[in-house]
């Protein structure tokens, strides 16, 4: 059994793109990668993923720990 492939390259709706650009311009301590990491890890947590790694990554992204 092979493991699933994950591709991060994705198009997003223009409205979401514009909102993200606005957010990033007002919050220079955040970047696109940090926002996507926080959003994806939060989605996984809210969807019932019980893997503590997702929780750690979410918290690290919020508090900017590498």
Protein backbone atom coordinates (compact mmCIF):
# COMPACT_ATOMS: atom_id res chain seq x y z
CA UNK A 1 0.00 0.00 0.00
CA UNK A 2 1.50 3.33 -1.03
CA UNK A 3 1.20 6.48 1.02
CA UNK A 4 -1.02 9.27 -0.33
CA UNK A 5 0.59 12.08 -2.24
CA UNK A 6 0.09 15.65 -1.05
CA UNK A 7 0.60 18.67 -3.29
CA UNK A 8 0.57 22.14 -1.80
CA UNK A 9 0.44 24.01 -5.11
CA UNK A 10 -3.15 25.19 -5.26
CA UNK A 11 -5.26 27.99 -6.65
CA UNK A 12 -7.46 29.92 -4.27
CA UNK A 13 -10.43 32.19 -5.00
CA UNK A 14 -9.46 35.74 -5.89
CA UNK A 15 -11.41 37.15 -2.92
CA UNK A 16 -9.45 34.95 -0.52
CA UNK A 17 -6.18 35.93 -2.22
CA UNK A 18 -7.01 39.64 -1.88
CA UNK A 19 -7.95 39.20 1.77
CA UNK A 20 -4.71 37.32 2.46
CA UNK A 21 -2.65 40.04 0.76
CA UNK A 22 -4.38 42.66 2.90
CA UNK A 23 -3.77 40.67 6.07
CA UNK A 24 -0.10 40.16 5.26
CA UNK A 25 0.38 43.85 4.50
CA UNK A 26 -1.04 44.75 7.93
CA UNK A 27 0.84 41.98 9.78
CA UNK A 28 4.46 42.00 8.58
CA UNK A 29 5.46 39.37 11.16
CA UNK A 30 3.31 36.82 9.25
CA UNK A 31 4.06 35.37 5.82
CA UNK A 32 2.13 33.20 3.40
CA UNK A 33 3.74 29.96 4.58
CA UNK A 34 2.98 30.70 8.23
CA UNK A 35 -0.68 31.51 7.46
CA UNK A 36 -1.15 28.35 5.38
CA UNK A 37 0.53 26.19 8.03
CA UNK A 38 -1.68 27.64 10.79
CA UNK A 39 -4.84 27.28 8.70
CA UNK A 40 -4.15 23.72 7.61
CA UNK A 41 -3.16 22.50 11.07
CA UNK A 42 -6.25 24.16 12.61
CA UNK A 43 -8.47 22.55 9.96
CA UNK A 44 -7.02 19.12 10.77
CA UNK A 45 -7.54 19.66 14.50
CA UNK A 46 -11.13 20.81 14.01
CA UNK A 47 -11.79 17.85 11.72
CA UNK A 48 -11.02 15.39 14.48
CA UNK A 49 -7.36 14.61 13.80
CA UNK A 50 -5.98 13.44 17.14
CA UNK A 51 -2.33 13.60 16.13
CA UNK A 52 -0.52 15.80 18.64
CA UNK A 53 1.91 16.87 15.93
CA UNK A 54 -0.84 18.89 14.23
CA UNK A 55 -1.58 20.64 17.54
CA UNK A 56 2.10 21.38 18.11
CA UNK A 57 2.51 22.76 14.60
CA UNK A 58 -0.58 24.93 15.01
CA UNK A 59 0.66 26.39 18.29
CA UNK A 60 4.19 26.82 16.94
CA UNK A 61 2.84 28.74 13.94
CA UNK A 62 0.79 31.03 16.19
CA UNK A 63 3.69 31.76 18.49
CA UNK A 64 6.31 31.67 15.72
CA UNK A 65 8.47 28.85 17.02
CA UNK A 66 10.48 27.04 14.35
